[in-house]
Amino acid sequence: MVLAGKDALLVGYFSAEQKRYTVLMDELAAAVETLGARVVGRSVQRRGVSDGGVRTMDRPYSSRTLVSGGKVREIASACERTGAEAVVFLNPLTDHQREVLSETFGCSVISAVDLPA
């Protein structure tokens, strides 16, 4: 997918143990901007903050969307509000997740691993 000239929303899914998540999101923003896109927003889902989350933080919230249903709605709203033409996840996504999320957000969804090196 070509990002040049597109408005992009960035998404990261992190365990609570990941203290550098803002640095990782900044690095993703720099990579996306280097490809010619404009970052119009960021969304972060952290897992493992609560006791229940700690036991399950190595698993996605959802096999269909990676992030929780509430986060999906939040990202969809941000896409609509900002006019984002692409959503770039820091995390790897399955083909099925990309398909479900693209349909839900109404724009292209890719993972950082899909970005050119």
N, C-alpha and C. Protein backbone atom coordinates (compact mmCIF):
# COMPACT_ATOMS: atom_id res chain seq x y z
N MET A 1 0.84 -1.18 0.00
CA MET A 1 0.00 0.00 0.00
C MET A 1 0.89 1.25 0.00
N VAL A 2 0.53 2.19 -0.81
CA VAL A 2 1.25 3.46 -0.88
C VAL A 2 0.66 4.42 0.14
N LEU A 3 1.49 4.96 1.01
CA LEU A 3 1.03 5.90 2.03
C LEU A 3 1.22 7.36 1.64
N ALA A 4 2.04 7.61 0.65
CA ALA A 4 2.36 8.99 0.26
C ALA A 4 1.08 9.79 0.00
N GLY A 5 1.00 10.93 0.67
CA GLY A 5 -0.13 11.83 0.49
C GLY A 5 -1.38 11.46 1.26
N LYS A 6 -1.32 10.39 2.04
CA LYS A 6 -2.51 9.94 2.78
C LYS A 6 -2.44 10.40 4.24
N ASP A 7 -3.62 10.57 4.82
CA ASP A 7 -3.74 10.83 6.25
C ASP A 7 -3.82 9.48 6.96
N ALA A 8 -2.98 9.28 7.96
CA ALA A 8 -2.88 7.98 8.63
C ALA A 8 -3.09 8.12 10.13
N LEU A 9 -3.77 7.13 10.67
CA LEU A 9 -3.98 7.00 12.11
C LEU A 9 -3.10 5.84 12.56
N LEU A 10 -2.38 6.01 13.65
CA LEU A 10 -1.47 4.98 14.16
C LEU A 10 -2.08 4.29 15.37
N VAL A 11 -1.86 2.97 15.46
CA VAL A 11 -2.41 2.18 16.56
C VAL A 11 -1.32 1.26 17.10
N GLY A 12 -1.21 1.19 18.43
CA GLY A 12 -0.27 0.28 19.06
C GLY A 12 -0.96 -0.48 20.18
N TYR A 13 -0.62 -1.75 20.30
CA TYR A 13 -1.14 -2.64 21.34
C TYR A 13 0.05 -3.10 22.17
N PHE A 14 0.04 -2.78 23.46
CA PHE A 14 1.20 -3.02 24.31
C PHE A 14 0.82 -3.66 25.63
N SER A 15 1.73 -4.45 26.16
CA SER A 15 1.55 -4.94 27.52
C SER A 15 1.92 -3.82 28.47
N ALA A 16 1.43 -3.89 29.68
CA ALA A 16 1.75 -2.88 30.68
C ALA A 16 3.23 -2.89 31.02
N GLU A 17 3.90 -4.01 30.76
CA GLU A 17 5.33 -4.09 31.03
C GLU A 17 6.15 -3.26 30.06
N GLN A 18 5.57 -2.92 28.90
CA GLN A 18 6.28 -2.13 27.89
C GLN A 18 6.25 -0.66 28.29
N LYS A 19 7.33 -0.19 28.84
CA LYS A 19 7.39 1.20 29.32
C LYS A 19 7.76 2.17 28.21
N ARG A 20 8.31 1.68 27.11
CA ARG A 20 8.76 2.54 26.01
C ARG A 20 7.71 2.69 24.92
N TYR A 21 6.46 2.46 25.23
CA TYR A 21 5.45 2.47 24.16
C TYR A 21 5.35 3.81 23.45
N THR A 22 5.58 4.92 24.15
CA THR A 22 5.52 6.22 23.47
C THR A 22 6.68 6.37 22.49
N VAL A 23 7.84 5.86 22.84
CA VAL A 23 8.99 5.90 21.93
C VAL A 23 8.70 5.05 20.69
N LEU A 24 8.13 3.88 20.90
CA LEU A 24 7.81 3.00 19.77
C LEU A 24 6.76 3.64 18.85
N MET A 25 5.80 4.33 19.43
CA MET A 25 4.80 5.02 18.61
C MET A 25 5.43 6.20 17.87
N ASP A 26 6.36 6.90 18.51
CA ASP A 26 7.08 7.99 17.84
C ASP A 26 7.89 7.46 16.66
N GLU A 27 8.51 6.30 16.83
CA GLU A 27 9.28 5.69 15.75
C GLU A 27 8.37 5.30 14.59
N LEU A 28 7.19 4.77 14.90
CA LEU A 28 6.23 4.43 13.85
C LEU A 28 5.78 5.69 13.12
N ALA A 29 5.52 6.75 13.85
CA ALA A 29 5.10 8.01 13.23
C ALA A 29 6.19 8.51 12.28
N ALA A 30 7.44 8.44 12.71
CA ALA A 30 8.54 8.89 11.86
C ALA A 30 8.63 8.05 10.59
N ALA A 31 8.46 6.74 10.72
CA ALA A 31 8.52 5.86 9.55
C ALA A 31 7.38 6.16 8.57
N VAL A 32 6.19 6.37 9.09
CA VAL A 32 5.03 6.67 8.25
C VAL A 32 5.19 8.03 7.57
N GLU A 33 5.68 9.00 8.30
CA GLU A 33 5.90 10.33 7.72
C GLU A 33 7.01 10.31 6.67
N THR A 34 8.03 9.48 6.87
CA THR A 34 9.10 9.33 5.89
C THR A 34 8.54 8.80 4.56
N LEU A 35 7.48 8.02 4.63
CA LEU A 35 6.85 7.47 3.43
C LEU A 35 5.87 8.46 2.80
N GLY A 36 5.76 9.65 3.37
CA GLY A 36 4.95 10.70 2.77
C GLY A 36 3.54 10.84 3.30
N ALA A 37 3.21 10.13 4.36
CA ALA A 37 1.88 10.24 4.94
C ALA A 37 1.88 11.30 6.04
N ARG A 38 0.70 11.75 6.36
CA ARG A 38 0.53 12.70 7.46
C ARG A 38 -0.17 11.97 8.60
N VAL A 39 0.43 11.97 9.77
CA VAL A 39 -0.15 11.31 10.94
C VAL A 39 -1.23 12.24 11.52
N VAL A 40 -2.47 11.75 11.54
CA VAL A 40 -3.59 12.57 12.02
C VAL A 40 -4.09 12.13 13.39
N GLY A 41 -3.50 11.08 13.94
CA GLY A 41 -3.90 10.64 15.27
C GLY A 41 -3.20 9.36 15.68
N ARG A 42 -3.30 9.09 16.97
CA ARG A 42 -2.70 7.88 17.55
C ARG A 42 -3.68 7.27 18.53
N SER A 43 -3.62 5.96 18.62
CA SER A 43 -4.45 5.24 19.58
C SER A 43 -3.60 4.12 20.18
N VAL A 44 -3.63 4.02 21.50
CA VAL A 44 -2.83 3.01 22.19
C VAL A 44 -3.74 2.17 23.08
N GLN A 45 -3.58 0.86 23.00
CA GLN A 45 -4.28 -0.07 23.91
C GLN A 45 -3.21 -0.74 24.74
N ARG A 46 -3.32 -0.59 26.06
CA ARG A 46 -2.37 -1.24 26.96
C ARG A 46 -3.09 -2.35 27.70
N ARG A 47 -2.41 -3.45 27.85
CA ARG A 47 -3.01 -4.60 28.51
C ARG A 47 -2.11 -5.07 29.64
N GLY A 48 -2.73 -5.50 30.73
CA GLY A 48 -1.96 -6.01 31.85
C GLY A 48 -1.84 -5.01 32.96
N VAL A 49 -2.62 -3.95 32.89
CA VAL A 49 -2.59 -2.94 33.94
C VAL A 49 -3.32 -3.46 35.17
N SER A 50 -4.40 -4.20 34.97
CA SER A 50 -5.15 -4.78 36.09
C SER A 50 -4.64 -6.20 36.36
N ASP A 51 -5.03 -6.77 37.51
CA ASP A 51 -4.61 -8.14 37.83
C ASP A 51 -5.10 -9.13 36.78
N GLY A 52 -6.33 -8.99 36.33
CA GLY A 52 -6.87 -9.89 35.30
C GLY A 52 -6.12 -9.74 34.00
N GLY A 53 -5.75 -8.52 33.66
CA GLY A 53 -5.02 -8.27 32.44
C GLY A 53 -3.62 -8.84 32.45
N VAL A 54 -2.98 -8.85 33.61
CA VAL A 54 -1.62 -9.37 33.72
C VAL A 54 -1.58 -10.84 33.31
N ARG A 55 -2.56 -11.61 33.72
CA ARG A 55 -2.58 -13.03 33.40
C ARG A 55 -2.77 -13.30 31.91
N THR A 56 -3.34 -12.37 31.18
CA THR A 56 -3.67 -12.61 29.78
C THR A 56 -2.96 -11.66 28.82
N MET A 57 -1.96 -10.93 29.28
CA MET A 57 -1.40 -9.88 28.43
C MET A 57 -0.60 -10.38 27.24
N ASP A 58 -0.28 -11.65 27.19
CA ASP A 58 0.42 -12.16 26.02
C ASP A 58 -0.54 -12.53 24.89
N ARG A 59 -1.84 -12.38 25.12
CA ARG A 59 -2.85 -12.70 24.11
C ARG A 59 -3.54 -11.43 23.63
N PRO A 60 -4.02 -11.43 22.39
CA PRO A 60 -4.79 -10.28 21.92
C PRO A 60 -6.13 -10.22 22.63
N TYR A 61 -6.72 -9.04 22.68
CA TYR A 61 -8.07 -8.94 23.20
C TYR A 61 -9.02 -9.72 22.33
N SER A 62 -8.79 -9.67 21.02
CA SER A 62 -9.69 -10.32 20.08
C SER A 62 -8.89 -10.92 18.93
N SER A 63 -9.19 -12.15 18.56
CA SER A 63 -8.52 -12.76 17.42
C SER A 63 -8.99 -12.11 16.11
N ARG A 64 -10.17 -11.47 16.15
CA ARG A 64 -10.70 -10.80 14.95
C ARG A 64 -10.10 -9.42 14.74
N THR A 65 -9.79 -8.71 15.83
CA THR A 65 -9.39 -7.31 15.70
C THR A 65 -8.11 -6.94 16.45
N LEU A 66 -7.51 -7.85 17.16
CA LEU A 66 -6.35 -7.64 18.02
C LEU A 66 -6.73 -6.83 19.25
N VAL A 67 -7.31 -5.65 19.07
CA VAL A 67 -7.65 -4.77 20.19
C VAL A 67 -9.09 -5.02 20.64
N SER A 68 -9.47 -4.41 21.76
CA SER A 68 -10.82 -4.63 22.31
C SER A 68 -11.89 -3.97 21.45
N GLY A 69 -13.13 -4.41 21.64
CA GLY A 69 -14.26 -3.83 20.92
C GLY A 69 -14.40 -2.34 21.15
N GLY A 70 -14.18 -1.91 22.38
CA GLY A 70 -14.26 -0.49 22.69
C GLY A 70 -13.19 0.30 21.97
N LYS A 71 -12.00 -0.26 21.88
CA LYS A 71 -10.90 0.41 21.17
C LYS A 71 -11.19 0.46 19.68
N VAL A 72 -11.79 -0.60 19.14
CA VAL A 72 -12.17 -0.59 17.73
C VAL A 72 -13.16 0.54 17.45
N ARG A 73 -14.15 0.70 18.32
CA ARG A 73 -15.12 1.80 18.14
C ARG A 73 -14.43 3.16 18.25
N GLU A 74 -13.50 3.29 19.19
CA GLU A 74 -12.75 4.54 19.36
C GLU A 74 -11.94 4.87 18.09
N ILE A 75 -11.28 3.86 17.53
CA ILE A 75 -10.48 4.07 16.32
C ILE A 75 -11.38 4.40 15.13
N ALA A 76 -12.51 3.70 15.02
CA ALA A 76 -13.45 3.98 13.92
C ALA A 76 -13.94 5.41 14.00
N SER A 77 -14.24 5.88 15.19
CA SER A 77 -14.68 7.26 15.39
C SER A 77 -13.58 8.24 15.01
N ALA A 78 -12.34 7.93 15.38
CA ALA A 78 -11.21 8.79 15.04
C ALA A 78 -10.99 8.83 13.53
N CYS A 79 -11.19 7.70 12.86
CA CYS A 79 -11.06 7.66 11.40
C CYS A 79 -12.08 8.58 10.76
N GLU A 80 -13.31 8.51 11.24
CA GLU A 80 -14.37 9.35 10.70
C GLU A 80 -14.09 10.82 10.98
N ARG A 81 -13.70 11.12 12.19
CA ARG A 81 -13.47 12.51 12.61
C ARG A 81 -12.29 13.15 11.86
N THR A 82 -11.22 12.37 11.62
CA THR A 82 -10.01 12.92 11.01
C THR A 82 -9.96 12.74 9.50
N GLY A 83 -10.83 11.89 8.97
CA GLY A 83 -10.77 11.59 7.54
C GLY A 83 -9.60 10.71 7.17
N ALA A 84 -9.12 9.92 8.13
CA ALA A 84 -7.98 9.03 7.89
C ALA A 84 -8.25 8.11 6.70
N GLU A 85 -7.25 7.97 5.87
CA GLU A 85 -7.34 7.10 4.70
C GLU A 85 -6.62 5.78 4.92
N ALA A 86 -5.89 5.69 6.03
CA ALA A 86 -5.16 4.47 6.38
C ALA A 86 -4.98 4.39 7.88
N VAL A 87 -5.00 3.17 8.38
CA VAL A 87 -4.68 2.90 9.78
C VAL A 87 -3.47 1.99 9.78
N VAL A 88 -2.44 2.39 10.51
CA VAL A 88 -1.20 1.62 10.56
C VAL A 88 -1.01 1.11 11.99
N PHE A 89 -1.05 -0.21 12.14
CA PHE A 89 -0.82 -0.85 13.44
C PHE A 89 0.67 -1.11 13.60
N LEU A 90 1.19 -0.81 14.77
CA LEU A 90 2.57 -1.14 15.07
C LEU A 90 2.74 -2.66 15.12
N ASN A 91 1.72 -3.34 15.55
CA ASN A 91 1.76 -4.79 15.75
C ASN A 91 1.45 -5.55 14.46
N PRO A 92 1.98 -6.76 14.33
CA PRO A 92 1.63 -7.60 13.18
C PRO A 92 0.13 -7.94 13.23
N LEU A 93 -0.48 -8.02 12.07
CA LEU A 93 -1.89 -8.39 11.95
C LEU A 93 -2.02 -9.59 11.02
N THR A 94 -3.02 -10.41 11.28
CA THR A 94 -3.32 -11.49 10.35
C THR A 94 -4.10 -10.91 9.17
N ASP A 95 -4.17 -11.65 8.09
CA ASP A 95 -4.96 -11.20 6.94
C ASP A 95 -6.42 -11.00 7.34
N HIS A 96 -6.93 -11.89 8.17
CA HIS A 96 -8.32 -11.77 8.61
C HIS A 96 -8.53 -10.50 9.44
N GLN A 97 -7.60 -10.20 10.33
CA GLN A 97 -7.71 -8.97 11.13
C GLN A 97 -7.70 -7.74 10.23
N ARG A 98 -6.80 -7.71 9.25
CA ARG A 98 -6.76 -6.59 8.31
C ARG A 98 -8.10 -6.41 7.60
N GLU A 99 -8.65 -7.52 7.16
CA GLU A 99 -9.92 -7.48 6.43
C GLU A 99 -11.06 -6.96 7.31
N VAL A 100 -11.18 -7.49 8.51
CA VAL A 100 -12.23 -7.07 9.44
C VAL A 100 -12.06 -5.60 9.80
N LEU A 101 -10.84 -5.20 10.12
CA LEU A 101 -10.60 -3.82 10.53
C LEU A 101 -10.79 -2.84 9.37
N SER A 102 -10.37 -3.20 8.17
CA SER A 102 -10.57 -2.34 7.00
C SER A 102 -12.05 -2.09 6.76
N GLU A 103 -12.83 -3.15 6.87
CA GLU A 103 -14.28 -3.02 6.68
C GLU A 103 -14.89 -2.16 7.79
N THR A 104 -14.45 -2.34 9.00
CA THR A 104 -14.97 -1.59 10.13
C THR A 104 -14.59 -0.11 10.06
N PHE A 105 -13.34 0.17 9.70
CA PHE A 105 -12.85 1.55 9.69
C PHE A 105 -13.17 2.28 8.39
N GLY A 106 -13.47 1.53 7.34
CA GLY A 106 -13.77 2.16 6.05
C GLY A 106 -12.53 2.71 5.36
N CYS A 107 -11.36 2.15 5.67
CA CYS A 107 -10.12 2.57 5.01
C CYS A 107 -9.13 1.41 5.07
N SER A 108 -8.00 1.58 4.42
CA SER A 108 -6.96 0.55 4.41
C SER A 108 -6.35 0.39 5.79
N VAL A 109 -6.04 -0.84 6.14
CA VAL A 109 -5.38 -1.16 7.42
C VAL A 109 -4.14 -1.99 7.11
N ILE A 110 -3.00 -1.54 7.63
CA ILE A 110 -1.75 -2.28 7.44
C ILE A 110 -1.02 -2.36 8.77
N SER A 111 0.01 -3.15 8.76
CA SER A 111 0.88 -3.31 9.93
C SER A 111 2.23 -2.70 9.62
N ALA A 112 2.95 -2.32 10.64
CA ALA A 112 4.30 -1.78 10.45
C ALA A 112 5.19 -2.75 9.70
N VAL A 113 4.94 -4.05 9.85
CA VAL A 113 5.76 -5.04 9.13
C VAL A 113 5.51 -4.96 7.62
N ASP A 114 4.41 -4.35 7.20
CA ASP A 114 4.09 -4.18 5.78
C ASP A 114 4.80 -2.97 5.16
N LEU A 115 5.36 -2.11 6.00
CA LEU A 115 6.01 -0.91 5.50
C LEU A 115 7.34 -1.26 4.85
N PRO A 116 7.70 -0.55 3.78
CA PRO A 116 9.00 -0.80 3.16
C PRO A 116 10.14 -0.51 4.14
N ALA A 117 11.18 -1.28 4.05
CA ALA A 117 12.32 -1.10 4.98
C ALA A 117 13.09 0.16 4.68
